[in-house]
Amino acid sequence: MHGGTVNDVILATLTGAIRSWLMTRAESVGSGRRIKALVPMSVIDEELEPTSLGSQVIGHKVDLPVGEASPVIRLHQVSYALKAHSETGNAVAADRIAGVAGFAPTTFHALGSRVAVEESQGVNLVITNVPGPQFPMFMAGAEMVETYPVPPLQKGFALAIGVTSYDGGVYYGITADRDILPDVDVLGQCVKEALDELVDSASDS
């Protein structure tokens, strides 16, 4: 295995998917190309106003290395980019967020979208990645088997991606301006292929 957190793998997968998608659009993905993403994260900071989750949400800007051809190197670069956040000592662990009483992933997706409005300068894409409960949920006796986020599309953005984990699975929601990105459905297929590519690289190592 290549190491890294679940969050690292998710962002590396999205990086690979965006790279492949850009290639289908005949756009340049030269070795130095990067896309700046805003990834809202939960922190504990006494100087900030707490949210209903008991923590604060800040925007962490991450350069996604879409110009890198190797899925392993992409993962390592994303891991390094996120390492600074985890080492601040303020980061809130995913299991702690998911364990908040009454917490619904939609709450964090909404908070993350608000942060995006305030901190969108120089950002190409907003990605909200939220841990959900890692056990089956039921309503009226029916089990929820999948859950897909619907990230709102903020002014000035043509694309938004939301990710929610639930009961051992990870679910991606993609929102786009269909007039600007009529081929966004291809991105969804590229996500699956990018994950398969990363898994295969782990098997080969």
N, C-alpha and C. Protein backbone atom coordinates (compact mmCIF):
# COMPACT_ATOMS: atom_id res chain seq x y z
N MET A 1 0.84 -1.20 0.00
CA MET A 1 0.00 0.00 0.00
C MET A 1 0.87 1.25 0.00
N HIS A 2 0.28 2.38 -0.39
CA HIS A 2 1.05 3.61 -0.54
C HIS A 2 0.95 4.52 0.67
N GLY A 3 0.17 4.17 1.68
CA GLY A 3 0.02 5.03 2.83
C GLY A 3 -0.96 6.16 2.56
N GLY A 4 -1.06 7.09 3.52
CA GLY A 4 -1.99 8.20 3.36
C GLY A 4 -3.32 7.91 4.03
N THR A 5 -4.11 8.95 4.20
CA THR A 5 -5.41 8.82 4.83
C THR A 5 -6.50 8.59 3.78
N VAL A 6 -7.70 8.30 4.27
CA VAL A 6 -8.84 8.16 3.36
C VAL A 6 -9.06 9.46 2.60
N ASN A 7 -8.91 10.58 3.30
CA ASN A 7 -9.07 11.89 2.68
C ASN A 7 -8.04 12.09 1.56
N ASP A 8 -6.80 11.66 1.80
CA ASP A 8 -5.75 11.74 0.78
C ASP A 8 -6.15 10.96 -0.47
N VAL A 9 -6.64 9.75 -0.24
CA VAL A 9 -7.02 8.87 -1.36
C VAL A 9 -8.17 9.48 -2.15
N ILE A 10 -9.14 10.05 -1.45
CA ILE A 10 -10.28 10.66 -2.13
C ILE A 10 -9.83 11.82 -3.02
N LEU A 11 -8.99 12.69 -2.47
CA LEU A 11 -8.53 13.84 -3.26
C LEU A 11 -7.60 13.41 -4.40
N ALA A 12 -6.79 12.38 -4.16
CA ALA A 12 -5.93 11.87 -5.22
C ALA A 12 -6.76 11.24 -6.34
N THR A 13 -7.83 10.56 -5.95
CA THR A 13 -8.74 9.98 -6.94
C THR A 13 -9.40 11.06 -7.79
N LEU A 14 -9.86 12.11 -7.13
CA LEU A 14 -10.48 13.22 -7.86
C LEU A 14 -9.47 13.91 -8.77
N THR A 15 -8.22 14.00 -8.31
CA THR A 15 -7.17 14.60 -9.14
C THR A 15 -6.98 13.80 -10.41
N GLY A 16 -6.90 12.47 -10.26
CA GLY A 16 -6.75 11.62 -11.43
C GLY A 16 -7.95 11.68 -12.35
N ALA A 17 -9.14 11.77 -11.75
CA ALA A 17 -10.36 11.85 -12.56
C ALA A 17 -10.41 13.14 -13.36
N ILE A 18 -10.06 14.24 -12.73
CA ILE A 18 -10.06 15.53 -13.43
C ILE A 18 -9.02 15.53 -14.54
N ARG A 19 -7.88 14.92 -14.26
CA ARG A 19 -6.83 14.81 -15.30
C ARG A 19 -7.37 14.08 -16.53
N SER A 20 -7.99 12.92 -16.31
CA SER A 20 -8.52 12.13 -17.42
C SER A 20 -9.62 12.88 -18.15
N TRP A 21 -10.47 13.54 -17.39
CA TRP A 21 -11.57 14.31 -17.97
C TRP A 21 -11.04 15.43 -18.86
N LEU A 22 -10.02 16.14 -18.38
CA LEU A 22 -9.42 17.21 -19.18
C LEU A 22 -8.84 16.65 -20.47
N MET A 23 -8.27 15.46 -20.40
CA MET A 23 -7.69 14.84 -21.59
C MET A 23 -8.77 14.51 -22.60
N THR A 24 -9.95 14.07 -22.14
CA THR A 24 -11.04 13.78 -23.08
C THR A 24 -11.53 15.06 -23.76
N ARG A 25 -11.25 16.20 -23.12
CA ARG A 25 -11.66 17.49 -23.69
C ARG A 25 -10.53 18.12 -24.50
N ALA A 26 -9.45 17.35 -24.70
CA ALA A 26 -8.29 17.81 -25.47
C ALA A 26 -7.64 19.04 -24.83
N GLU A 27 -7.72 19.14 -23.50
CA GLU A 27 -7.07 20.23 -22.78
C GLU A 27 -5.69 19.78 -22.31
N SER A 28 -4.79 20.74 -22.21
CA SER A 28 -3.42 20.44 -21.83
C SER A 28 -3.33 19.97 -20.37
N VAL A 29 -2.59 18.89 -20.15
CA VAL A 29 -2.31 18.43 -18.79
C VAL A 29 -0.80 18.24 -18.68
N GLY A 30 -0.07 19.29 -19.02
CA GLY A 30 1.38 19.26 -18.94
C GLY A 30 1.84 18.97 -17.52
N SER A 31 3.10 18.56 -17.37
CA SER A 31 3.61 18.08 -16.09
C SER A 31 3.47 19.10 -14.95
N GLY A 32 3.43 20.37 -15.28
CA GLY A 32 3.35 21.37 -14.21
C GLY A 32 1.95 21.87 -13.91
N ARG A 33 0.95 21.34 -14.62
CA ARG A 33 -0.39 21.89 -14.43
C ARG A 33 -1.02 21.46 -13.12
N ARG A 34 -1.61 22.43 -12.44
CA ARG A 34 -2.31 22.18 -11.17
C ARG A 34 -3.63 22.93 -11.17
N ILE A 35 -4.58 22.39 -10.44
CA ILE A 35 -5.86 23.06 -10.25
C ILE A 35 -6.02 23.32 -8.76
N LYS A 36 -6.30 24.57 -8.42
CA LYS A 36 -6.42 24.93 -7.02
C LYS A 36 -7.84 24.65 -6.52
N ALA A 37 -7.93 23.79 -5.53
CA ALA A 37 -9.21 23.41 -4.95
C ALA A 37 -9.32 23.97 -3.53
N LEU A 38 -10.51 24.38 -3.17
CA LEU A 38 -10.78 24.78 -1.79
C LEU A 38 -11.49 23.62 -1.10
N VAL A 39 -10.86 23.10 -0.05
CA VAL A 39 -11.41 21.96 0.67
C VAL A 39 -11.74 22.40 2.09
N PRO A 40 -13.02 22.66 2.40
CA PRO A 40 -13.39 23.05 3.76
C PRO A 40 -13.07 21.94 4.75
N MET A 41 -12.47 22.32 5.89
CA MET A 41 -12.10 21.35 6.92
C MET A 41 -12.53 21.84 8.29
N SER A 42 -12.80 20.88 9.15
CA SER A 42 -13.24 21.20 10.50
C SER A 42 -12.03 21.32 11.43
N VAL A 43 -12.02 22.39 12.23
CA VAL A 43 -10.90 22.62 13.15
C VAL A 43 -11.44 23.09 14.50
N ILE A 44 -10.56 23.05 15.49
CA ILE A 44 -10.84 23.64 16.79
C ILE A 44 -9.95 24.88 16.91
N ASP A 45 -10.56 26.05 16.94
CA ASP A 45 -9.82 27.30 17.01
C ASP A 45 -10.61 28.26 17.89
N GLU A 46 -10.03 28.61 19.03
CA GLU A 46 -10.73 29.45 20.00
C GLU A 46 -10.99 30.86 19.47
N GLU A 47 -10.28 31.26 18.42
CA GLU A 47 -10.44 32.61 17.88
C GLU A 47 -11.58 32.69 16.87
N LEU A 48 -12.11 31.54 16.49
CA LEU A 48 -13.19 31.51 15.50
C LEU A 48 -14.51 31.16 16.17
N GLU A 49 -15.60 31.58 15.53
CA GLU A 49 -16.94 31.31 16.05
C GLU A 49 -17.28 29.83 15.82
N PRO A 50 -17.67 29.10 16.88
CA PRO A 50 -17.99 27.68 16.68
C PRO A 50 -19.28 27.50 15.90
N THR A 51 -19.37 26.40 15.18
CA THR A 51 -20.58 26.06 14.46
C THR A 51 -21.45 25.16 15.33
N SER A 52 -22.56 24.71 14.77
CA SER A 52 -23.45 23.80 15.49
C SER A 52 -22.79 22.46 15.77
N LEU A 53 -21.64 22.20 15.12
CA LEU A 53 -20.91 20.95 15.32
C LEU A 53 -19.95 21.05 16.49
N GLY A 54 -19.81 22.25 17.06
CA GLY A 54 -18.89 22.43 18.17
C GLY A 54 -17.47 22.72 17.72
N SER A 55 -17.25 22.84 16.43
CA SER A 55 -15.94 23.18 15.90
C SER A 55 -16.13 24.30 14.88
N GLN A 56 -15.06 24.66 14.18
CA GLN A 56 -15.15 25.67 13.15
C GLN A 56 -14.80 25.05 11.79
N VAL A 57 -15.19 25.72 10.74
CA VAL A 57 -14.89 25.25 9.40
C VAL A 57 -14.07 26.31 8.68
N ILE A 58 -12.91 25.91 8.19
CA ILE A 58 -12.06 26.82 7.44
C ILE A 58 -11.81 26.23 6.06
N GLY A 59 -11.44 27.10 5.13
CA GLY A 59 -11.12 26.64 3.79
C GLY A 59 -9.64 26.36 3.65
N HIS A 60 -9.28 25.15 3.25
CA HIS A 60 -7.88 24.78 3.05
C HIS A 60 -7.66 24.66 1.54
N LYS A 61 -6.77 25.49 1.01
CA LYS A 61 -6.51 25.48 -0.43
C LYS A 61 -5.46 24.43 -0.77
N VAL A 62 -5.80 23.58 -1.73
CA VAL A 62 -4.93 22.47 -2.11
C VAL A 62 -4.71 22.51 -3.62
N ASP A 63 -3.45 22.42 -4.03
CA ASP A 63 -3.14 22.34 -5.46
C ASP A 63 -3.22 20.88 -5.90
N LEU A 64 -4.17 20.59 -6.76
CA LEU A 64 -4.32 19.23 -7.26
C LEU A 64 -3.41 19.04 -8.47
N PRO A 65 -2.46 18.10 -8.40
CA PRO A 65 -1.45 17.94 -9.47
C PRO A 65 -1.99 17.17 -10.68
N VAL A 66 -2.89 17.78 -11.43
CA VAL A 66 -3.50 17.10 -12.58
C VAL A 66 -2.50 16.87 -13.70
N GLY A 67 -1.34 17.52 -13.64
CA GLY A 67 -0.33 17.31 -14.66
C GLY A 67 0.56 16.11 -14.40
N GLU A 68 0.38 15.46 -13.25
CA GLU A 68 1.20 14.29 -12.90
C GLU A 68 0.55 13.01 -13.42
N ALA A 69 1.30 12.24 -14.20
CA ALA A 69 0.75 11.04 -14.82
C ALA A 69 0.66 9.85 -13.86
N SER A 70 1.53 9.80 -12.86
CA SER A 70 1.57 8.64 -11.97
C SER A 70 0.55 8.78 -10.84
N PRO A 71 -0.34 7.79 -10.66
CA PRO A 71 -1.32 7.86 -9.57
C PRO A 71 -0.65 7.82 -8.20
N VAL A 72 0.50 7.14 -8.10
CA VAL A 72 1.20 7.04 -6.82
C VAL A 72 1.80 8.39 -6.44
N ILE A 73 2.43 9.05 -7.39
CA ILE A 73 3.02 10.36 -7.11
C ILE A 73 1.93 11.38 -6.82
N ARG A 74 0.80 11.29 -7.53
CA ARG A 74 -0.32 12.19 -7.24
C ARG A 74 -0.77 12.04 -5.79
N LEU A 75 -0.87 10.79 -5.33
CA LEU A 75 -1.28 10.53 -3.95
C LEU A 75 -0.28 11.13 -2.97
N HIS A 76 1.00 10.94 -3.22
CA HIS A 76 2.02 11.46 -2.32
C HIS A 76 2.00 12.99 -2.29
N GLN A 77 1.77 13.61 -3.44
CA GLN A 77 1.73 15.07 -3.50
C GLN A 77 0.51 15.63 -2.76
N VAL A 78 -0.62 14.96 -2.92
CA VAL A 78 -1.83 15.39 -2.21
C VAL A 78 -1.64 15.19 -0.70
N SER A 79 -1.05 14.06 -0.31
CA SER A 79 -0.81 13.80 1.11
C SER A 79 0.07 14.88 1.72
N TYR A 80 1.09 15.27 0.99
CA TYR A 80 2.00 16.31 1.48
C TYR A 80 1.27 17.65 1.60
N ALA A 81 0.41 17.95 0.64
CA ALA A 81 -0.33 19.21 0.66
C ALA A 81 -1.27 19.29 1.85
N LEU A 82 -1.81 18.15 2.28
CA LEU A 82 -2.75 18.13 3.39
C LEU A 82 -2.04 17.94 4.74
N LYS A 83 -0.76 17.58 4.70
CA LYS A 83 -0.04 17.29 5.93
C LYS A 83 0.04 18.51 6.84
N ALA A 84 0.19 19.69 6.25
CA ALA A 84 0.31 20.91 7.04
C ALA A 84 -0.93 21.14 7.89
N HIS A 85 -2.10 20.80 7.34
CA HIS A 85 -3.35 20.97 8.09
C HIS A 85 -3.40 20.02 9.29
N SER A 86 -3.04 18.77 9.06
CA SER A 86 -3.14 17.78 10.13
C SER A 86 -2.13 18.05 11.24
N GLU A 87 -1.01 18.70 10.90
CA GLU A 87 0.04 18.95 11.89
C GLU A 87 -0.18 20.21 12.72
N THR A 88 -1.23 20.96 12.43
CA THR A 88 -1.49 22.18 13.22
C THR A 88 -1.94 21.84 14.63
N GLY A 89 -2.47 20.62 14.81
CA GLY A 89 -3.00 20.24 16.11
C GLY A 89 -4.43 20.68 16.30
N ASN A 90 -4.96 21.43 15.32
CA ASN A 90 -6.33 21.93 15.41
C ASN A 90 -7.31 21.09 14.62
N ALA A 91 -6.79 20.22 13.77
CA ALA A 91 -7.66 19.43 12.90
C ALA A 91 -8.55 18.50 13.71
N VAL A 92 -9.78 18.35 13.26
CA VAL A 92 -10.74 17.48 13.93
C VAL A 92 -10.80 16.16 13.17
N ALA A 93 -10.61 15.06 13.87
CA ALA A 93 -10.61 13.75 13.23
C ALA A 93 -11.97 13.42 12.64
N ALA A 94 -11.96 12.65 11.57
CA ALA A 94 -13.20 12.31 10.87
C ALA A 94 -14.17 11.56 11.78
N ASP A 95 -13.63 10.62 12.61
CA ASP A 95 -14.53 9.84 13.45
C ASP A 95 -15.18 10.71 14.52
N ARG A 96 -14.51 11.78 14.92
CA ARG A 96 -15.11 12.69 15.89
C ARG A 96 -16.25 13.48 15.27
N ILE A 97 -16.06 13.93 14.03
CA ILE A 97 -17.13 14.66 13.35
C ILE A 97 -18.34 13.76 13.16
N ALA A 98 -18.10 12.55 12.67
CA ALA A 98 -19.19 11.62 12.41
C ALA A 98 -19.91 11.21 13.68
N GLY A 99 -19.21 11.32 14.83
CA GLY A 99 -19.81 10.89 16.09
C GLY A 99 -20.61 11.96 16.81
N VAL A 100 -20.66 13.18 16.25
CA VAL A 100 -21.43 14.23 16.89
C VAL A 100 -22.92 13.85 16.91
N ALA A 101 -23.53 13.96 18.06
CA ALA A 101 -24.94 13.57 18.20
C ALA A 101 -25.81 14.38 17.24
N GLY A 102 -26.61 13.68 16.45
CA GLY A 102 -27.52 14.35 15.53
C GLY A 102 -26.85 14.89 14.29
N PHE A 103 -25.55 14.60 14.11
CA PHE A 103 -24.83 15.14 12.96
C PHE A 103 -25.30 14.50 11.67
N ALA A 104 -25.54 15.35 10.68
CA ALA A 104 -25.87 14.88 9.34
C ALA A 104 -24.82 15.45 8.39
N PRO A 105 -24.27 14.65 7.46
CA PRO A 105 -23.27 15.16 6.53
C PRO A 105 -23.72 16.41 5.78
N THR A 106 -25.03 16.54 5.54
CA THR A 106 -25.52 17.72 4.84
C THR A 106 -25.19 19.00 5.59
N THR A 107 -25.11 18.91 6.92
CA THR A 107 -24.77 20.09 7.72
C THR A 107 -23.39 20.61 7.36
N PHE A 108 -22.43 19.70 7.29
CA PHE A 108 -21.06 20.11 6.98
C PHE A 108 -20.93 20.55 5.53
N HIS A 109 -21.63 19.88 4.61
CA HIS A 109 -21.59 20.29 3.21
C HIS A 109 -22.09 21.74 3.09
N ALA A 110 -23.16 22.07 3.83
CA ALA A 110 -23.71 23.42 3.78
C ALA A 110 -22.72 24.43 4.36
N LEU A 111 -22.09 24.09 5.49
CA LEU A 111 -21.11 24.98 6.11
C LEU A 111 -19.91 25.17 5.19
N GLY A 112 -19.49 24.09 4.55
CA GLY A 112 -18.37 24.18 3.63
C GLY A 112 -18.66 25.08 2.45
N SER A 113 -19.89 25.04 1.97
CA SER A 113 -20.28 25.87 0.84
C SER A 113 -20.26 27.35 1.22
N ARG A 114 -20.65 27.65 2.46
CA ARG A 114 -20.61 29.04 2.92
C ARG A 114 -19.18 29.54 2.99
N VAL A 115 -18.28 28.69 3.45
CA VAL A 115 -16.86 29.06 3.52
C VAL A 115 -16.33 29.34 2.11
N ALA A 116 -16.79 28.55 1.15
CA ALA A 116 -16.33 28.72 -0.22
C ALA A 116 -16.66 30.09 -0.76
N VAL A 117 -17.81 30.62 -0.38
CA VAL A 117 -18.21 31.95 -0.85
C VAL A 117 -17.23 33.00 -0.34
N GLU A 118 -16.77 32.83 0.89
CA GLU A 118 -15.90 33.81 1.53
C GLU A 118 -14.44 33.69 1.10
N GLU A 119 -14.01 32.50 0.70
CA GLU A 119 -12.59 32.26 0.45
C GLU A 119 -12.31 31.74 -0.95
N SER A 120 -13.10 32.15 -1.92
CA SER A 120 -13.01 31.58 -3.26
C SER A 120 -11.98 32.26 -4.16
N GLN A 121 -11.31 33.29 -3.65
CA GLN A 121 -10.34 34.02 -4.46
C GLN A 121 -9.24 33.09 -4.97
N GLY A 122 -9.07 33.05 -6.29
CA GLY A 122 -8.01 32.25 -6.88
C GLY A 122 -8.26 30.75 -6.87
N VAL A 123 -9.49 30.34 -6.61
CA VAL A 123 -9.83 28.92 -6.52
C VAL A 123 -10.61 28.48 -7.76
N ASN A 124 -10.28 27.29 -8.28
CA ASN A 124 -10.96 26.76 -9.47
C ASN A 124 -12.13 25.85 -9.14
N LEU A 125 -12.09 25.25 -7.93
CA LEU A 125 -13.03 24.18 -7.62
C LEU A 125 -13.22 24.07 -6.12
N VAL A 126 -14.43 23.75 -5.69
CA VAL A 126 -14.71 23.50 -4.27
C VAL A 126 -15.03 22.02 -4.09
N ILE A 127 -14.37 21.39 -3.12
CA ILE A 127 -14.61 19.98 -2.81
C ILE A 127 -14.96 19.86 -1.34
N THR A 128 -16.18 19.45 -1.03
CA THR A 128 -16.56 19.19 0.36
C THR A 128 -16.53 17.69 0.59
N ASN A 129 -15.74 17.28 1.57
CA ASN A 129 -15.54 15.86 1.86
C ASN A 129 -15.95 15.62 3.30
N VAL A 130 -17.04 14.89 3.50
CA VAL A 130 -17.64 14.77 4.83
C VAL A 130 -17.79 13.31 5.26
N PRO A 131 -17.29 12.97 6.45
CA PRO A 131 -17.49 11.61 6.96
C PRO A 131 -18.91 11.43 7.49
N GLY A 132 -19.53 10.35 7.11
CA GLY A 132 -20.86 10.04 7.62
C GLY A 132 -20.79 8.86 8.57
N PRO A 133 -21.91 8.42 9.10
CA PRO A 133 -21.92 7.27 10.02
C PRO A 133 -21.44 6.00 9.34
N GLN A 134 -20.63 5.24 10.05
CA GLN A 134 -20.07 4.01 9.50
C GLN A 134 -20.85 2.78 9.97
N PHE A 135 -22.16 2.92 9.99
CA PHE A 135 -23.05 1.82 10.34
C PHE A 135 -24.36 2.06 9.59
N PRO A 136 -25.16 1.02 9.36
CA PRO A 136 -26.39 1.19 8.59
C PRO A 136 -27.38 2.11 9.28
N MET A 137 -28.04 2.96 8.49
CA MET A 137 -29.09 3.85 8.98
C MET A 137 -30.43 3.38 8.41
N PHE A 138 -31.49 3.59 9.19
CA PHE A 138 -32.81 3.13 8.76
C PHE A 138 -33.84 4.25 8.92
N MET A 139 -34.86 4.19 8.07
CA MET A 139 -36.01 5.08 8.21
C MET A 139 -37.27 4.28 7.91
N ALA A 140 -38.18 4.26 8.87
CA ALA A 140 -39.42 3.51 8.73
C ALA A 140 -39.15 2.05 8.38
N GLY A 141 -38.06 1.52 8.93
CA GLY A 141 -37.72 0.12 8.70
C GLY A 141 -36.93 -0.16 7.45
N ALA A 142 -36.75 0.86 6.60
CA ALA A 142 -36.01 0.67 5.35
C ALA A 142 -34.56 1.11 5.53
N GLU A 143 -33.64 0.30 5.09
CA GLU A 143 -32.23 0.63 5.23
C GLU A 143 -31.76 1.58 4.13
N MET A 144 -31.02 2.60 4.53
CA MET A 144 -30.38 3.49 3.56
C MET A 144 -29.13 2.80 3.05
N VAL A 145 -29.07 2.55 1.78
CA VAL A 145 -27.95 1.79 1.23
C VAL A 145 -26.89 2.70 0.60
N GLU A 146 -27.27 3.87 0.15
CA GLU A 146 -26.32 4.81 -0.45
C GLU A 146 -26.75 6.24 -0.10
N THR A 147 -25.79 7.16 -0.12
CA THR A 147 -26.11 8.56 0.13
C THR A 147 -25.20 9.45 -0.71
N TYR A 148 -25.78 10.25 -1.56
CA TYR A 148 -25.01 11.10 -2.46
C TYR A 148 -25.23 12.57 -2.13
N PRO A 149 -24.16 13.32 -1.88
CA PRO A 149 -24.32 14.74 -1.60
C PRO A 149 -24.66 15.52 -2.87
N VAL A 150 -25.32 16.65 -2.71
CA VAL A 150 -25.63 17.54 -3.83
C VAL A 150 -25.04 18.91 -3.50
N PRO A 151 -23.76 19.11 -3.78
CA PRO A 151 -23.11 20.38 -3.43
C PRO A 151 -23.68 21.53 -4.25
N PRO A 152 -24.01 22.65 -3.61
CA PRO A 152 -24.55 23.80 -4.36
C PRO A 152 -23.46 24.42 -5.22
N LEU A 153 -23.87 24.96 -6.35
CA LEU A 153 -22.94 25.60 -7.28
C LEU A 153 -22.89 27.08 -6.96
N GLN A 154 -21.75 27.53 -6.45
CA GLN A 154 -21.61 28.92 -6.05
C GLN A 154 -21.37 29.82 -7.26
N LYS A 155 -21.70 31.08 -7.10
CA LYS A 155 -21.52 32.07 -8.17
C LYS A 155 -20.05 32.11 -8.58
N GLY A 156 -19.83 32.07 -9.88
CA GLY A 156 -18.46 32.12 -10.39
C GLY A 156 -17.82 30.76 -10.60
N PHE A 157 -18.52 29.69 -10.19
CA PHE A 157 -17.98 28.34 -10.35
C PHE A 157 -18.85 27.54 -11.32
N ALA A 158 -18.19 26.73 -12.15
CA ALA A 158 -18.93 25.88 -13.07
C ALA A 158 -19.03 24.45 -12.56
N LEU A 159 -18.30 24.15 -11.48
CA LEU A 159 -18.25 22.77 -10.99
C LEU A 159 -18.07 22.75 -9.48
N ALA A 160 -18.77 21.84 -8.81
CA ALA A 160 -18.60 21.60 -7.37
C ALA A 160 -18.69 20.10 -7.15
N ILE A 161 -17.87 19.61 -6.23
CA ILE A 161 -17.85 18.17 -5.93
C ILE A 161 -18.04 17.96 -4.44
N GLY A 162 -18.95 17.07 -4.10
CA GLY A 162 -19.17 16.70 -2.70
C GLY A 162 -18.90 15.21 -2.53
N VAL A 163 -18.32 14.86 -1.40
CA VAL A 163 -18.02 13.45 -1.11
C VAL A 163 -18.52 13.12 0.29
N THR A 164 -19.24 12.02 0.42
CA THR A 164 -19.72 11.56 1.72
C THR A 164 -19.39 10.08 1.89
N SER A 165 -18.82 9.74 3.04
CA SER A 165 -18.58 8.33 3.34
C SER A 165 -19.72 7.83 4.23
N TYR A 166 -20.10 6.57 4.02
CA TYR A 166 -21.21 5.99 4.79
C TYR A 166 -21.09 4.47 4.79
N ASP A 167 -21.09 3.89 5.99
CA ASP A 167 -21.13 2.45 6.17
C ASP A 167 -20.11 1.72 5.29
N GLY A 168 -18.87 2.23 5.28
CA GLY A 168 -17.81 1.56 4.54
C GLY A 168 -17.70 1.94 3.08
N GLY A 169 -18.60 2.78 2.58
CA GLY A 169 -18.56 3.20 1.19
C GLY A 169 -18.28 4.69 1.06
N VAL A 170 -17.90 5.11 -0.13
CA VAL A 170 -17.65 6.52 -0.41
C VAL A 170 -18.49 6.91 -1.63
N TYR A 171 -19.22 8.02 -1.50
CA TYR A 171 -20.17 8.42 -2.53
C TYR A 171 -19.86 9.84 -3.00
N TYR A 172 -19.77 10.00 -4.32
CA TYR A 172 -19.40 11.27 -4.93
C TYR A 172 -20.62 11.93 -5.55
N GLY A 173 -20.77 13.23 -5.28
CA GLY A 173 -21.83 14.01 -5.91
C GLY A 173 -21.20 15.13 -6.72
N ILE A 174 -21.60 15.27 -7.97
CA ILE A 174 -21.01 16.27 -8.86
C ILE A 174 -22.11 17.21 -9.35
N THR A 175 -21.90 18.51 -9.13
CA THR A 175 -22.84 19.52 -9.60
C THR A 175 -22.11 20.41 -10.60
N ALA A 176 -22.75 20.69 -11.73
CA ALA A 176 -22.07 21.50 -12.75
C ALA A 176 -23.08 22.37 -13.50
N ASP A 177 -22.55 23.43 -14.09
CA ASP A 177 -23.33 24.27 -14.99
C ASP A 177 -23.38 23.56 -16.34
N ARG A 178 -24.54 23.06 -16.71
CA ARG A 178 -24.63 22.23 -17.92
C ARG A 178 -24.36 23.03 -19.19
N ASP A 179 -24.52 24.35 -19.14
CA ASP A 179 -24.23 25.16 -20.32
C ASP A 179 -22.73 25.29 -20.54
N ILE A 180 -21.97 25.31 -19.45
CA ILE A 180 -20.52 25.45 -19.54
C ILE A 180 -19.84 24.09 -19.65
N LEU A 181 -20.38 23.10 -18.92
CA LEU A 181 -19.77 21.77 -18.89
C LEU A 181 -20.80 20.71 -19.27
N PRO A 182 -21.19 20.65 -20.53
CA PRO A 182 -22.21 19.67 -20.94
C PRO A 182 -21.73 18.22 -20.87
N ASP A 183 -20.42 18.02 -20.75
CA ASP A 183 -19.86 16.67 -20.71
C ASP A 183 -19.49 16.23 -19.31
N VAL A 184 -20.09 16.86 -18.30
CA VAL A 184 -19.68 16.56 -16.92
C VAL A 184 -19.96 15.11 -16.53
N ASP A 185 -20.88 14.44 -17.23
CA ASP A 185 -21.16 13.04 -16.92
C ASP A 185 -19.92 12.17 -17.14
N VAL A 186 -19.04 12.61 -18.04
CA VAL A 186 -17.80 11.88 -18.30
C VAL A 186 -16.92 11.90 -17.05
N LEU A 187 -16.96 13.00 -16.30
CA LEU A 187 -16.16 13.11 -15.09
C LEU A 187 -16.55 12.02 -14.09
N GLY A 188 -17.83 11.72 -14.00
CA GLY A 188 -18.28 10.67 -13.10
C GLY A 188 -17.65 9.33 -13.42
N GLN A 189 -17.56 8.99 -14.69
CA GLN A 189 -16.93 7.74 -15.11
C GLN A 189 -15.44 7.79 -14.83
N CYS A 190 -14.84 8.98 -15.00
CA CYS A 190 -13.41 9.13 -14.76
C CYS A 190 -13.06 8.92 -13.29
N VAL A 191 -13.99 9.25 -12.38
CA VAL A 191 -13.75 9.03 -10.95
C VAL A 191 -13.56 7.54 -10.68
N LYS A 192 -14.44 6.73 -11.22
CA LYS A 192 -14.33 5.28 -11.03
C LYS A 192 -13.03 4.74 -11.61
N GLU A 193 -12.68 5.21 -12.80
CA GLU A 193 -11.47 4.73 -13.46
C GLU A 193 -10.21 5.17 -12.70
N ALA A 194 -10.24 6.38 -12.13
CA ALA A 194 -9.09 6.87 -11.38
C ALA A 194 -8.89 6.07 -10.09
N LEU A 195 -9.99 5.70 -9.46
CA LEU A 195 -9.89 4.88 -8.25
C LEU A 195 -9.35 3.49 -8.59
N ASP A 196 -9.85 2.91 -9.68
CA ASP A 196 -9.35 1.61 -10.11
C ASP A 196 -7.86 1.67 -10.41
N GLU A 197 -7.43 2.77 -11.03
CA GLU A 197 -6.01 2.94 -11.37
C GLU A 197 -5.15 3.00 -10.10
N LEU A 198 -5.65 3.70 -9.09
CA LEU A 198 -4.91 3.81 -7.83
C LEU A 198 -4.85 2.47 -7.11
N VAL A 199 -5.96 1.74 -7.11
CA VAL A 199 -5.99 0.41 -6.48
C VAL A 199 -5.04 -0.55 -7.20
N ASP A 200 -5.05 -0.51 -8.53
CA ASP A 200 -4.17 -1.38 -9.30
C ASP A 200 -2.70 -1.07 -9.04
N SER A 201 -2.39 0.22 -8.85
CA SER A 201 -0.99 0.59 -8.59
C SER A 201 -0.53 0.07 -7.24
N ALA A 202 -1.47 -0.03 -6.29
CA ALA A 202 -1.13 -0.59 -4.97
C ALA A 202 -0.86 -2.08 -5.08
N SER A 203 -1.61 -2.76 -5.94
CA SER A 203 -1.44 -4.19 -6.12
C SER A 203 -0.11 -4.52 -6.78
N ASP A 204 0.35 -3.58 -7.65
CA ASP A 204 1.57 -3.82 -8.40
C ASP A 204 2.82 -3.50 -7.59
N SER A 205 2.65 -2.73 -6.50
CA SER A 205 3.82 -2.30 -5.74
C SER A 205 4.28 -3.37 -4.74
